[in-house]
Amino acid sequence: MALLDDVKSELTALEGDSPAAIKAQAAAMIRFGGGLRPVQNTYVIQASFTSPDAAQWLRDTIRAVYGHEADVNHITRQTPNGVIEQYVVLVTRGVAALALQTGLLDRRKQPVHGLPADIVNGSIAQIKAAWRGAFLTRGSLSDPGKASYMEIVCPTEEAAMALCGAARRLGISAKHRQLRSSERVTLKDPDAIERMLKLMGAPRSAREWTGKRSDGEARGKANRLANFDDANMRRSAKAAAEASEKVQHAFEVLGDNIPDNLRQAGQLRIEHVDKSLEELGKLADPQITKDAIAGRIRRLLQLAEKTEKARALKG
């Protein structure tokens, strides 16, 4: 969670956006955070966040840009997985006017189930801002070293489709999927995730996420190689022990009727169970290759097997 918090803090600290982009971010935050909610015989606008910085940014923007009062309520809930803190931005006055201004309602005062058309068809700056607002509200990011993903939980299928379309305009492929009755938009390609973080306005976090992910992958690769080497060593040791037993049996079968070169190879195998074939070849006098010593041990075992079969037939 620490890296995700850092990303959201960097995004809320972004400055220099155009008025249209600021409105696009605010509209996305309200849309993905909750939107219009019926309360008794009226409506309120609310948006829930896990980031206090995001909640404060939206409250300040609603006041400064749209001219409406908004409050932030801090809510703490106890769950089986621990305490969850939420920061809820609440607007109770001028709700209809703000809903029209932010695109929650269209010009006919009908609910908009996706993102407002002027954002979807707007500038690239608005598209980036909409993704930034959605991520600040319902975004998650994989920890470095784990399977890469960036995901946003969407309020409706229309909102998910609009977010996918916005990603395409940024040259990024995002996947829409349903999971546990919720609509989600997911990025899994590490390069796409890094690029989206930069486009949203979090280049520092993008570098940190990529760096930690690379470190994690390097450690994982090293661990896999170490485990692979250990497995190879165990297999080699087992094979050497079995070969030594077979050579010992061959010596018992053949007795003195063993060619000197085969006897030397077999003796080396018995005396140096922990050595590789290459190492046995270097111990031979004169030195020979691992293929040569492997061939001599193989011929020794074949000679013993042939001798055993011949004795069996005679018996």
C-alpha atoms as a PDB file:
ATOM      1  CA  MET A   1       0.000   0.000   0.000  1.00  0.00           C
ATOM      2  CA  ALA A   2       2.910   2.373   0.642  1.00  0.00           C
ATOM      3  CA  LEU A   3       3.761   2.686  -3.059  1.00  0.00           C
ATOM      4  CA  LEU A   4       0.084   3.133  -4.003  1.00  0.00           C
ATOM      5  CA  ASP A   5      -0.207   5.918  -1.425  1.00  0.00           C
ATOM      6  CA  ASP A   6       2.899   7.544  -2.886  1.00  0.00           C
ATOM      7  CA  VAL A   7       1.400   7.406  -6.386  1.00  0.00           C
ATOM      8  CA  LYS A   8      -1.831   9.043  -5.230  1.00  0.00           C
ATOM      9  CA  SER A   9       0.046  11.707  -3.279  1.00  0.00           C
ATOM     10  CA  GLU A  10       2.112  12.533  -6.365  1.00  0.00           C
ATOM     11  CA  LEU A  11      -1.021  12.719  -8.535  1.00  0.00           C
ATOM     12  CA  THR A  12      -2.880  15.049  -6.177  1.00  0.00           C
ATOM     13  CA  ALA A  13       0.160  17.335  -5.968  1.00  0.00           C
ATOM     14  CA  LEU A  14       0.229  17.799  -9.760  1.00  0.00           C
ATOM     15  CA  GLU A  15       0.037  21.441 -10.814  1.00  0.00           C
ATOM     16  CA  GLY A  16      -0.322  23.353 -14.063  1.00  0.00           C
ATOM     17  CA  ASP A  17      -3.332  21.551 -15.550  1.00  0.00           C
ATOM     18  CA  SER A  18      -5.752  23.459 -17.746  1.00  0.00           C
ATOM     19  CA  PRO A  19      -9.210  24.326 -16.371  1.00  0.00           C
ATOM     20  CA  ALA A  20     -10.758  21.696 -18.682  1.00  0.00           C
ATOM     21  CA  ALA A  21      -8.392  19.006 -17.388  1.00  0.00           C
ATOM     22  CA  ILE A  22      -9.082  19.938 -13.765  1.00  0.00           C
ATOM     23  CA  LYS A  23     -12.819  19.622 -14.427  1.00  0.00           C
ATOM     24  CA  ALA A  24     -12.276  16.251 -16.158  1.00  0.00           C
ATOM     25  CA  GLN A  25     -10.376  14.934 -13.155  1.00  0.00           C
ATOM     26  CA  ALA A  26     -13.004  16.189 -10.722  1.00  0.00           C
ATOM     27  CA  ALA A  27     -15.844  14.716 -12.806  1.00  0.00           C
ATOM     28  CA  ALA A  28     -14.121  11.315 -12.942  1.00  0.00           C
ATOM     29  CA  MET A  29     -13.469  11.376  -9.189  1.00  0.00           C
ATOM     30  CA  ILE A  30     -17.122  12.090  -8.451  1.00  0.00           C
ATOM     31  CA  ARG A  31     -18.339   9.550 -11.026  1.00  0.00           C
ATOM     32  CA  PHE A  32     -16.084   6.724  -9.805  1.00  0.00           C
ATOM     33  CA  GLY A  33     -16.375   7.687  -6.142  1.00  0.00           C
ATOM     34  CA  GLY A  34     -20.140   7.462  -5.811  1.00  0.00           C
ATOM     35  CA  GLY A  35     -21.944  10.267  -7.646  1.00  0.00           C
ATOM     36  CA  LEU A  36     -25.591  11.077  -7.057  1.00  0.00           C
ATOM     37  CA  ARG A  37     -27.073   9.296  -4.052  1.00  0.00           C
ATOM     38  CA  PRO A  38     -30.704   9.401  -2.844  1.00  0.00           C
ATOM     39  CA  VAL A  39     -31.089  10.378   0.809  1.00  0.00           C
ATOM     40  CA  GLN A  40     -34.657  10.386   2.127  1.00  0.00           C
ATOM     41  CA  ASN A  41     -36.596  12.658  -0.260  1.00  0.00           C
ATOM     42  CA  THR A  42     -33.616  14.385  -1.847  1.00  0.00           C
ATOM     43  CA  TYR A  43     -30.223  13.728  -3.434  1.00  0.00           C
ATOM     44  CA  VAL A  44     -26.650  14.333  -2.378  1.00  0.00           C
ATOM     45  CA  ILE A  45     -23.354  14.014  -4.239  1.00  0.00           C
ATOM     46  CA  GLN A  46     -20.727  11.966  -2.515  1.00  0.00           C
ATOM     47  CA  ALA A  47     -17.379  10.445  -3.406  1.00  0.00           C
ATOM     48  CA  SER A  48     -15.416   8.053  -1.196  1.00  0.00           C
ATOM     49  CA  PHE A  49     -11.626   7.772  -1.106  1.00  0.00           C
ATOM     50  CA  THR A  50      -8.967   5.868   0.773  1.00  0.00           C
ATOM     51  CA  SER A  51      -6.541   8.749   0.195  1.00  0.00           C
ATOM     52  CA  PRO A  52      -7.051  11.874   2.327  1.00  0.00           C
ATOM     53  CA  ASP A  53      -5.067  13.880  -0.243  1.00  0.00           C
ATOM     54  CA  ALA A  54      -7.514  12.879  -2.997  1.00  0.00           C
ATOM     55  CA  ALA A  55     -10.527  13.804  -0.872  1.00  0.00           C
ATOM     56  CA  GLN A  56      -9.036  17.180   0.010  1.00  0.00           C
ATOM     57  CA  TRP A  57      -8.182  17.889  -3.647  1.00  0.00           C
ATOM     58  CA  LEU A  58     -11.766  17.210  -4.732  1.00  0.00           C
ATOM     59  CA  ARG A  59     -13.281  19.256  -1.903  1.00  0.00           C
ATOM     60  CA  ASP A  60     -11.036  22.228  -2.729  1.00  0.00           C
ATOM     61  CA  THR A  61     -11.784  21.917  -6.468  1.00  0.00           C
ATOM     62  CA  ILE A  62     -15.546  21.773  -5.924  1.00  0.00           C
ATOM     63  CA  ARG A  63     -15.289  24.964  -3.895  1.00  0.00           C
ATOM     64  CA  ALA A  64     -12.835  26.848  -6.121  1.00  0.00           C
ATOM     65  CA  VAL A  65     -13.937  25.738  -9.604  1.00  0.00           C
ATOM     66  CA  TYR A  66     -17.657  25.047  -9.228  1.00  0.00           C
ATOM     67  CA  GLY A  67     -18.492  27.387  -6.358  1.00  0.00           C
ATOM     68  CA  HIS A  68     -20.230  24.791  -4.168  1.00  0.00           C
ATOM     69  CA  GLU A  69     -19.626  23.889  -0.559  1.00  0.00           C
ATOM     70  CA  ALA A  70     -18.292  20.407   0.171  1.00  0.00           C
ATOM     71  CA  ASP A  71     -17.276  18.632   3.342  1.00  0.00           C
ATOM     72  CA  VAL A  72     -14.914  15.741   4.005  1.00  0.00           C
ATOM     73  CA  ASN A  73     -16.089  13.152   6.505  1.00  0.00           C
ATOM     74  CA  HIS A  74     -13.549  10.735   7.965  1.00  0.00           C
ATOM     75  CA  ILE A  75     -15.080   7.274   8.469  1.00  0.00           C
ATOM     76  CA  THR A  76     -13.390   4.320  10.159  1.00  0.00           C
ATOM     77  CA  ARG A  77     -14.711   0.782   9.713  1.00  0.00           C
ATOM     78  CA  GLN A  78     -13.579  -2.383  11.429  1.00  0.00           C
ATOM     79  CA  THR A  79     -13.369  -5.369   9.071  1.00  0.00           C
ATOM     80  CA  PRO A  80     -12.043  -8.941   9.440  1.00  0.00           C
ATOM     81  CA  ASN A  81      -8.903  -7.772   7.613  1.00  0.00           C
ATOM     82  CA  GLY A  82      -8.338  -4.790   9.882  1.00  0.00           C
ATOM     83  CA  VAL A  83      -9.400  -1.149  10.108  1.00  0.00           C
ATOM     84  CA  ILE A  84     -10.409   0.630   6.891  1.00  0.00           C
ATOM     85  CA  GLU A  85     -10.326   4.405   6.749  1.00  0.00           C
ATOM     86  CA  GLN A  86     -12.443   6.272   4.219  1.00  0.00           C
ATOM     87  CA  TYR A  87     -12.685   9.941   3.389  1.00  0.00           C
ATOM     88  CA  VAL A  88     -16.080  10.896   1.988  1.00  0.00           C
ATOM     89  CA  VAL A  89     -16.564  14.172   0.114  1.00  0.00           C
ATOM     90  CA  LEU A  90     -20.189  15.229   0.582  1.00  0.00           C
ATOM     91  CA  VAL A  91     -22.219  17.931  -1.185  1.00  0.00           C
ATOM     92  CA  THR A  92     -25.734  18.557   0.144  1.00  0.00           C
ATOM     93  CA  ARG A  93     -26.613  21.960  -1.357  1.00  0.00           C
ATOM     94  CA  GLY A  94     -26.742  22.899  -5.030  1.00  0.00           C
ATOM     95  CA  VAL A  95     -26.645  19.200  -5.898  1.00  0.00           C
ATOM     96  CA  ALA A  96     -28.549  19.426  -9.205  1.00  0.00           C
ATOM     97  CA  ALA A  97     -26.399  22.316 -10.420  1.00  0.00           C
ATOM     98  CA  LEU A  98     -23.163  20.478  -9.579  1.00  0.00           C
ATOM     99  CA  ALA A  99     -24.460  17.271 -11.192  1.00  0.00           C
ATOM    100  CA  LEU A 100     -25.040  19.200 -14.436  1.00  0.00           C
ATOM    101  CA  GLN A 101     -21.654  20.951 -14.189  1.00  0.00           C
ATOM    102  CA  THR A 102     -19.716  17.705 -13.673  1.00  0.00           C
ATOM    103  CA  GLY A 103     -21.663  15.632 -16.218  1.00  0.00           C
ATOM    104  CA  LEU A 104     -23.460  13.338 -13.791  1.00  0.00           C
ATOM    105  CA  LEU A 105     -26.591  14.563 -15.587  1.00  0.00           C
ATOM    106  CA  ASP A 106     -26.811  15.458 -19.267  1.00  0.00           C
ATOM    107  CA  ARG A 107     -28.505  18.573 -20.669  1.00  0.00           C
ATOM    108  CA  ARG A 108     -31.884  16.815 -20.490  1.00  0.00           C
ATOM    109  CA  LYS A 109     -31.148  16.133 -16.817  1.00  0.00           C
ATOM    110  CA  GLN A 110     -30.862  12.393 -17.470  1.00  0.00           C
ATOM    111  CA  PRO A 111     -28.239  10.340 -15.585  1.00  0.00           C
ATOM    112  CA  VAL A 112     -24.971   9.709 -17.428  1.00  0.00           C
ATOM    113  CA  HIS A 113     -23.873   6.138 -16.760  1.00  0.00           C
ATOM    114  CA  GLY A 114     -20.389   6.433 -18.259  1.00  0.00           C
ATOM    115  CA  LEU A 115     -18.107   9.452 -18.529  1.00  0.00           C
ATOM    116  CA  PRO A 116     -19.434  12.763 -19.904  1.00  0.00           C
ATOM    117  CA  ALA A 117     -19.218  13.059 -23.703  1.00  0.00           C
ATOM    118  CA  ASP A 118     -17.201  16.284 -23.549  1.00  0.00           C
ATOM    119  CA  ILE A 119     -14.489  14.370 -21.652  1.00  0.00           C
ATOM    120  CA  VAL A 120     -14.554  11.223 -23.811  1.00  0.00           C
ATOM    121  CA  ASN A 121     -14.332  13.382 -26.948  1.00  0.00           C
ATOM    122  CA  GLY A 122     -12.146  16.029 -25.357  1.00  0.00           C
ATOM    123  CA  SER A 123      -8.447  16.790 -25.510  1.00  0.00           C
ATOM    124  CA  ILE A 124      -5.655  14.386 -24.576  1.00  0.00           C
ATOM    125  CA  ALA A 125      -5.101  16.479 -21.438  1.00  0.00           C
ATOM    126  CA  GLN A 126      -8.722  15.766 -20.428  1.00  0.00           C
ATOM    127  CA  ILE A 127      -8.276  12.057 -21.159  1.00  0.00           C
ATOM    128  CA  LYS A 128      -5.182  11.895 -18.960  1.00  0.00           C
ATOM    129  CA  ALA A 129      -7.007  13.792 -16.234  1.00  0.00           C
ATOM    130  CA  ALA A 130     -10.004  11.442 -16.398  1.00  0.00           C
ATOM    131  CA  TRP A 131      -7.721   8.427 -15.941  1.00  0.00           C
ATOM    132  CA  ARG A 132      -5.954  10.227 -13.115  1.00  0.00           C
ATOM    133  CA  GLY A 133      -9.257  10.930 -11.376  1.00  0.00           C
ATOM    134  CA  ALA A 134     -10.497   7.361 -11.796  1.00  0.00           C
ATOM    135  CA  PHE A 135      -7.208   5.941 -10.484  1.00  0.00           C
ATOM    136  CA  LEU A 136      -7.172   8.287  -7.494  1.00  0.00           C
ATOM    137  CA  THR A 137     -10.660   7.103  -6.616  1.00  0.00           C
ATOM    138  CA  ARG A 138     -10.713   3.361  -7.273  1.00  0.00           C
ATOM    139  CA  GLY A 139      -7.247   2.476  -8.542  1.00  0.00           C
ATOM    140  CA  SER A 140      -4.877  -0.215  -7.325  1.00  0.00           C
ATOM    141  CA  LEU A 141      -1.331  -1.140  -8.312  1.00  0.00           C
ATOM    142  CA  SER A 142       0.598  -4.373  -7.853  1.00  0.00           C
ATOM    143  CA  ASP A 143       3.477  -4.488  -5.414  1.00  0.00           C
ATOM    144  CA  PRO A 144       6.912  -4.794  -7.041  1.00  0.00           C
ATOM    145  CA  GLY A 145       8.017  -8.397  -7.392  1.00  0.00           C
ATOM    146  CA  LYS A 146       4.470  -9.686  -7.900  1.00  0.00           C
ATOM    147  CA  ALA A 147       2.500 -10.207 -11.095  1.00  0.00           C
ATOM    148  CA  SER A 148       2.156  -6.776 -12.702  1.00  0.00           C
ATOM    149  CA  TYR A 149      -1.251  -5.121 -12.831  1.00  0.00           C
ATOM    150  CA  MET A 150      -2.967  -1.774 -12.588  1.00  0.00           C
ATOM    151  CA  GLU A 151      -6.696  -1.934 -11.973  1.00  0.00           C
ATOM    152  CA  ILE A 152      -9.624   0.443 -11.547  1.00  0.00           C
ATOM    153  CA  VAL A 153     -12.977  -0.656 -10.141  1.00  0.00           C
ATOM    154  CA  CYS A 154     -15.738   1.040 -12.142  1.00  0.00           C
ATOM    155  CA  PRO A 155     -19.275   1.978 -11.045  1.00  0.00           C
ATOM    156  CA  THR A 156     -20.935   0.745 -14.261  1.00  0.00           C
ATOM    157  CA  GLU A 157     -20.153  -1.148 -17.444  1.00  0.00           C
ATOM    158  CA  GLU A 158     -20.539   2.099 -19.386  1.00  0.00           C
ATOM    159  CA  ALA A 159     -17.905   3.774 -17.199  1.00  0.00           C
ATOM    160  CA  ALA A 160     -15.538   0.839 -17.734  1.00  0.00           C
ATOM    161  CA  MET A 161     -16.020   0.973 -21.504  1.00  0.00           C
ATOM    162  CA  ALA A 162     -15.455   4.729 -21.502  1.00  0.00           C
ATOM    163  CA  LEU A 163     -12.232   4.269 -19.542  1.00  0.00           C
ATOM    164  CA  CYS A 164     -11.019   1.612 -22.013  1.00  0.00           C
ATOM    165  CA  GLY A 165     -11.791   3.958 -24.889  1.00  0.00           C
ATOM    166  CA  ALA A 166      -9.881   6.742 -23.171  1.00  0.00           C
ATOM    167  CA  ALA A 167      -6.880   4.426 -22.745  1.00  0.00           C
ATOM    168  CA  ARG A 168      -6.944   3.642 -26.471  1.00  0.00           C
ATOM    169  CA  ARG A 169      -6.723   7.357 -27.216  1.00  0.00           C
ATOM    170  CA  LEU A 170      -3.537   7.359 -25.136  1.00  0.00           C
ATOM    171  CA  GLY A 171      -2.168   4.426 -27.153  1.00  0.00           C
ATOM    172  CA  ILE A 172      -2.619   1.924 -24.322  1.00  0.00           C
ATOM    173  CA  SER A 173      -4.651  -1.273 -24.417  1.00  0.00           C
ATOM    174  CA  ALA A 174      -6.793  -1.757 -21.310  1.00  0.00           C
ATOM    175  CA  LYS A 175      -8.995  -4.779 -20.664  1.00  0.00           C
ATOM    176  CA  HIS A 176     -12.544  -4.622 -19.329  1.00  0.00           C
ATOM    177  CA  ARG A 177     -13.619  -7.562 -17.172  1.00  0.00           C
ATOM    178  CA  GLN A 178     -16.221  -8.513 -14.608  1.00  0.00           C
ATOM    179  CA  LEU A 179     -15.116  -9.866 -11.245  1.00  0.00           C
ATOM    180  CA  ARG A 180     -17.406 -10.636  -8.322  1.00  0.00           C
ATOM    181  CA  SER A 181     -20.237  -8.576  -9.828  1.00  0.00           C
ATOM    182  CA  SER A 182     -17.997  -5.550 -10.261  1.00  0.00           C
ATOM    183  CA  GLU A 183     -16.771  -3.900 -13.444  1.00  0.00           C
ATOM    184  CA  ARG A 184     -13.006  -3.511 -13.705  1.00  0.00           C
ATOM    185  CA  VAL A 185     -10.487  -2.079 -16.133  1.00  0.00           C
ATOM    186  CA  THR A 186      -7.067  -3.719 -15.972  1.00  0.00           C
ATOM    187  CA  LEU A 187      -3.589  -3.214 -17.381  1.00  0.00           C
ATOM    188  CA  LYS A 188      -1.165  -6.126 -17.062  1.00  0.00           C
ATOM    189  CA  ASP A 189       1.715  -5.239 -19.365  1.00  0.00           C
ATOM    190  CA  PRO A 190       4.513  -3.688 -17.250  1.00  0.00           C
ATOM    191  CA  ASP A 191       5.507  -1.235 -19.995  1.00  0.00           C
ATOM    192  CA  ALA A 192       1.891  -0.099 -20.388  1.00  0.00           C
ATOM    193  CA  ILE A 193       1.571   0.393 -16.623  1.00  0.00           C
ATOM    194  CA  GLU A 194       4.765   2.447 -16.469  1.00  0.00           C
ATOM    195  CA  ARG A 195       3.582   4.577 -19.390  1.00  0.00           C
ATOM    196  CA  MET A 196       0.136   5.127 -17.870  1.00  0.00           C
ATOM    197  CA  LEU A 197       1.668   6.228 -14.569  1.00  0.00           C
ATOM    198  CA  LYS A 198       3.725   8.803 -16.453  1.00  0.00           C
ATOM    199  CA  LEU A 199       0.774   9.965 -18.547  1.00  0.00           C
ATOM    200  CA  MET A 200      -1.380  10.398 -15.443  1.00  0.00           C
ATOM    201  CA  GLY A 201       1.345  12.579 -13.926  1.00  0.00           C
ATOM    202  CA  ALA A 202       3.349  10.288 -11.638  1.00  0.00           C
ATOM    203  CA  PRO A 203       6.784   9.944 -13.314  1.00  0.00           C
ATOM    204  CA  ARG A 204       8.637   9.593  -9.999  1.00  0.00           C
ATOM    205  CA  SER A 205       6.390   6.759  -8.869  1.00  0.00           C
ATOM    206  CA  ALA A 206       6.672   5.153 -12.311  1.00  0.00           C
ATOM    207  CA  ARG A 207      10.461   5.052 -11.982  1.00  0.00           C
ATOM    208  CA  GLU A 208      10.209   3.658  -8.463  1.00  0.00           C
ATOM    209  CA  TRP A 209       7.678   0.990  -9.452  1.00  0.00           C
ATOM    210  CA  THR A 210       9.743  -0.066 -12.471  1.00  0.00           C
ATOM    211  CA  GLY A 211      12.973  -0.110 -10.476  1.00  0.00           C
ATOM    212  CA  LYS A 212      11.545  -2.197  -7.657  1.00  0.00           C
ATOM    213  CA  ARG A 213       9.836  -4.519 -10.122  1.00  0.00           C
ATOM    214  CA  SER A 214      13.129  -5.065 -11.953  1.00  0.00           C
ATOM    215  CA  ASP A 215      14.913  -5.739  -8.668  1.00  0.00           C
ATOM    216  CA  GLY A 216      12.215  -8.216  -7.688  1.00  0.00           C
ATOM    217  CA  GLU A 217      12.433  -9.975 -11.043  1.00  0.00           C
ATOM    218  CA  ALA A 218      16.227 -10.171 -10.733  1.00  0.00           C
ATOM    219  CA  ARG A 219      15.951 -11.682  -7.249  1.00  0.00           C
ATOM    220  CA  GLY A 220      13.296 -14.092  -8.467  1.00  0.00           C
ATOM    221  CA  LYS A 221      15.478 -15.144 -11.377  1.00  0.00           C
ATOM    222  CA  ALA A 222      18.458 -15.627  -9.069  1.00  0.00           C
ATOM    223  CA  ASN A 223      16.356 -17.748  -6.718  1.00  0.00           C
ATOM    224  CA  ARG A 224      15.051 -19.828  -9.605  1.00  0.00           C
ATOM    225  CA  LEU A 225      18.577 -20.358 -10.906  1.00  0.00           C
ATOM    226  CA  ALA A 226      19.802 -21.305  -7.429  1.00  0.00           C
ATOM    227  CA  ASN A 227      16.955 -23.780  -7.032  1.00  0.00           C
ATOM    228  CA  PHE A 228      17.654 -25.114 -10.507  1.00  0.00           C
ATOM    229  CA  ASP A 229      21.340 -25.544  -9.671  1.00  0.00           C
ATOM    230  CA  ASP A 230      20.466 -27.272  -6.393  1.00  0.00           C
ATOM    231  CA  ALA A 231      18.116 -29.641  -8.208  1.00  0.00           C
ATOM    232  CA  ASN A 232      20.774 -30.382 -10.808  1.00  0.00           C
ATOM    233  CA  MET A 233      23.325 -31.053  -8.106  1.00  0.00           C
ATOM    234  CA  ARG A 234      20.953 -33.428  -6.309  1.00  0.00           C
ATOM    235  CA  ARG A 235      20.183 -35.264  -9.537  1.00  0.00           C
ATOM    236  CA  SER A 236      23.883 -35.464 -10.419  1.00  0.00           C
ATOM    237  CA  ALA A 237      24.800 -36.764  -6.959  1.00  0.00           C
ATOM    238  CA  LYS A 238      22.053 -39.391  -7.116  1.00  0.00           C
ATOM    239  CA  ALA A 239      23.126 -40.491 -10.603  1.00  0.00           C
ATOM    240  CA  ALA A 240      26.782 -40.700  -9.505  1.00  0.00           C
ATOM    241  CA  ALA A 241      25.886 -42.816  -6.461  1.00  0.00           C
ATOM    242  CA  GLU A 242      23.810 -45.184  -8.595  1.00  0.00           C
ATOM    243  CA  ALA A 243      26.627 -45.436 -11.171  1.00  0.00           C
ATOM    244  CA  SER A 244      29.111 -46.196  -8.419  1.00  0.00           C
ATOM    245  CA  GLU A 245      26.926 -49.056  -7.167  1.00  0.00           C
ATOM    246  CA  LYS A 246      26.615 -50.451 -10.690  1.00  0.00           C
ATOM    247  CA  VAL A 247      30.386 -50.256 -11.211  1.00  0.00           C
ATOM    248  CA  GLN A 248      30.984 -52.053  -7.911  1.00  0.00           C
ATOM    249  CA  HIS A 249      28.621 -54.808  -9.044  1.00  0.00           C
ATOM    250  CA  ALA A 250      30.402 -54.990 -12.417  1.00  0.00           C
ATOM    251  CA  PHE A 251      33.751 -55.492 -10.649  1.00  0.00           C
ATOM    252  CA  GLU A 252      32.236 -58.342  -8.636  1.00  0.00           C
ATOM    253  CA  VAL A 253      30.861 -59.993 -11.795  1.00  0.00           C
ATOM    254  CA  LEU A 254      33.994 -59.588 -13.918  1.00  0.00           C
ATOM    255  CA  GLY A 255      36.673 -60.141 -11.287  1.00  0.00           C
ATOM    256  CA  ASP A 256      40.092 -59.899 -12.934  1.00  0.00           C
ATOM    257  CA  ASN A 257      38.741 -60.062 -16.507  1.00  0.00           C
ATOM    258  CA  ILE A 258      38.529 -56.321 -16.977  1.00  0.00           C
ATOM    259  CA  PRO A 259      40.544 -54.277 -19.520  1.00  0.00           C
ATOM    260  CA  ASP A 260      42.867 -51.822 -17.777  1.00  0.00           C
ATOM    261  CA  ASN A 261      41.285 -48.684 -19.270  1.00  0.00           C
ATOM    262  CA  LEU A 262      37.795 -49.779 -18.152  1.00  0.00           C
ATOM    263  CA  ARG A 263      39.077 -50.770 -14.719  1.00  0.00           C
ATOM    264  CA  GLN A 264      40.708 -47.381 -14.210  1.00  0.00           C
ATOM    265  CA  ALA A 265      37.513 -45.551 -15.167  1.00  0.00           C
ATOM    266  CA  GLY A 266      35.414 -47.746 -12.882  1.00  0.00           C
ATOM    267  CA  GLN A 267      37.825 -47.346  -9.998  1.00  0.00           C
ATOM    268  CA  LEU A 268      37.707 -43.583 -10.302  1.00  0.00           C
ATOM    269  CA  ARG A 269      33.906 -43.692 -10.216  1.00  0.00           C
ATOM    270  CA  ILE A 270      33.919 -45.780  -7.019  1.00  0.00           C
ATOM    271  CA  GLU A 271      36.574 -43.748  -5.252  1.00  0.00           C
ATOM    272  CA  HIS A 272      35.153 -40.307  -6.138  1.00  0.00           C
ATOM    273  CA  VAL A 273      31.368 -40.613  -5.864  1.00  0.00           C
ATOM    274  CA  ASP A 274      30.930 -36.857  -5.438  1.00  0.00           C
ATOM    275  CA  LYS A 275      32.887 -35.955  -8.580  1.00  0.00           C
ATOM    276  CA  SER A 276      31.404 -35.117 -11.973  1.00  0.00           C
ATOM    277  CA  LEU A 277      32.408 -37.003 -15.105  1.00  0.00           C
ATOM    278  CA  GLU A 278      34.486 -34.028 -16.185  1.00  0.00           C
ATOM    279  CA  GLU A 279      36.337 -34.082 -12.866  1.00  0.00           C
ATOM    280  CA  LEU A 280      36.885 -37.867 -13.130  1.00  0.00           C
ATOM    281  CA  GLY A 281      38.371 -37.348 -16.586  1.00  0.00           C
ATOM    282  CA  LYS A 282      40.910 -34.916 -15.127  1.00  0.00           C
ATOM    283  CA  LEU A 283      41.858 -37.442 -12.415  1.00  0.00           C
ATOM    284  CA  ALA A 284      42.589 -40.129 -14.993  1.00  0.00           C
ATOM    285  CA  ASP A 285      46.203 -40.832 -16.007  1.00  0.00           C
ATOM    286  CA  PRO A 286      46.578 -39.611 -18.671  1.00  0.00           C
ATOM    287  CA  GLN A 287      43.673 -37.111 -18.530  1.00  0.00           C
ATOM    288  CA  ILE A 288      40.684 -37.829 -20.769  1.00  0.00           C
ATOM    289  CA  THR A 289      37.457 -36.046 -21.637  1.00  0.00           C
ATOM    290  CA  LYS A 290      34.199 -36.569 -19.768  1.00  0.00           C
ATOM    291  CA  ASP A 291      32.749 -38.246 -22.857  1.00  0.00           C
ATOM    292  CA  ALA A 292      35.643 -40.696 -22.915  1.00  0.00           C
ATOM    293  CA  ILE A 293      35.324 -41.656 -19.258  1.00  0.00           C
ATOM    294  CA  ALA A 294      31.530 -41.922 -19.609  1.00  0.00           C
ATOM    295  CA  GLY A 295      32.066 -44.241 -22.583  1.00  0.00           C
ATOM    296  CA  ARG A 296      34.486 -46.437 -20.642  1.00  0.00           C
ATOM    297  CA  ILE A 297      32.121 -46.777 -17.664  1.00  0.00           C
ATOM    298  CA  ARG A 298      29.271 -47.576 -20.049  1.00  0.00           C
ATOM    299  CA  ARG A 299      31.342 -50.299 -21.768  1.00  0.00           C
ATOM    300  CA  LEU A 300      32.344 -51.706 -18.377  1.00  0.00           C
ATOM    301  CA  LEU A 301      28.689 -52.026 -17.342  1.00  0.00           C
ATOM    302  CA  GLN A 302      27.739 -53.528 -20.716  1.00  0.00           C
ATOM    303  CA  LEU A 303      30.552 -56.091 -20.392  1.00  0.00           C
ATOM    304  CA  ALA A 304      29.349 -57.080 -16.931  1.00  0.00           C
ATOM    305  CA  GLU A 305      25.747 -57.388 -18.150  1.00  0.00           C
ATOM    306  CA  LYS A 306      26.848 -59.529 -21.099  1.00  0.00           C
ATOM    307  CA  THR A 307      28.898 -61.752 -18.803  1.00  0.00           C
ATOM    308  CA  GLU A 308      25.965 -62.199 -16.399  1.00  0.00           C
ATOM    309  CA  LYS A 309      23.642 -63.204 -19.213  1.00  0.00           C
ATOM    310  CA  ALA A 310      26.177 -65.704 -20.569  1.00  0.00           C
ATOM    311  CA  ARG A 311      26.543 -67.312 -17.137  1.00  0.00           C
ATOM    312  CA  ALA A 312      22.796 -67.495 -16.751  1.00  0.00           C
ATOM    313  CA  LEU A 313      22.478 -69.341 -20.039  1.00  0.00           C
ATOM    314  CA  LYS A 314      25.168 -71.827 -19.056  1.00  0.00           C
ATOM    315  CA  GLY A 315      23.609 -72.374 -15.665  1.00  0.00           C
END
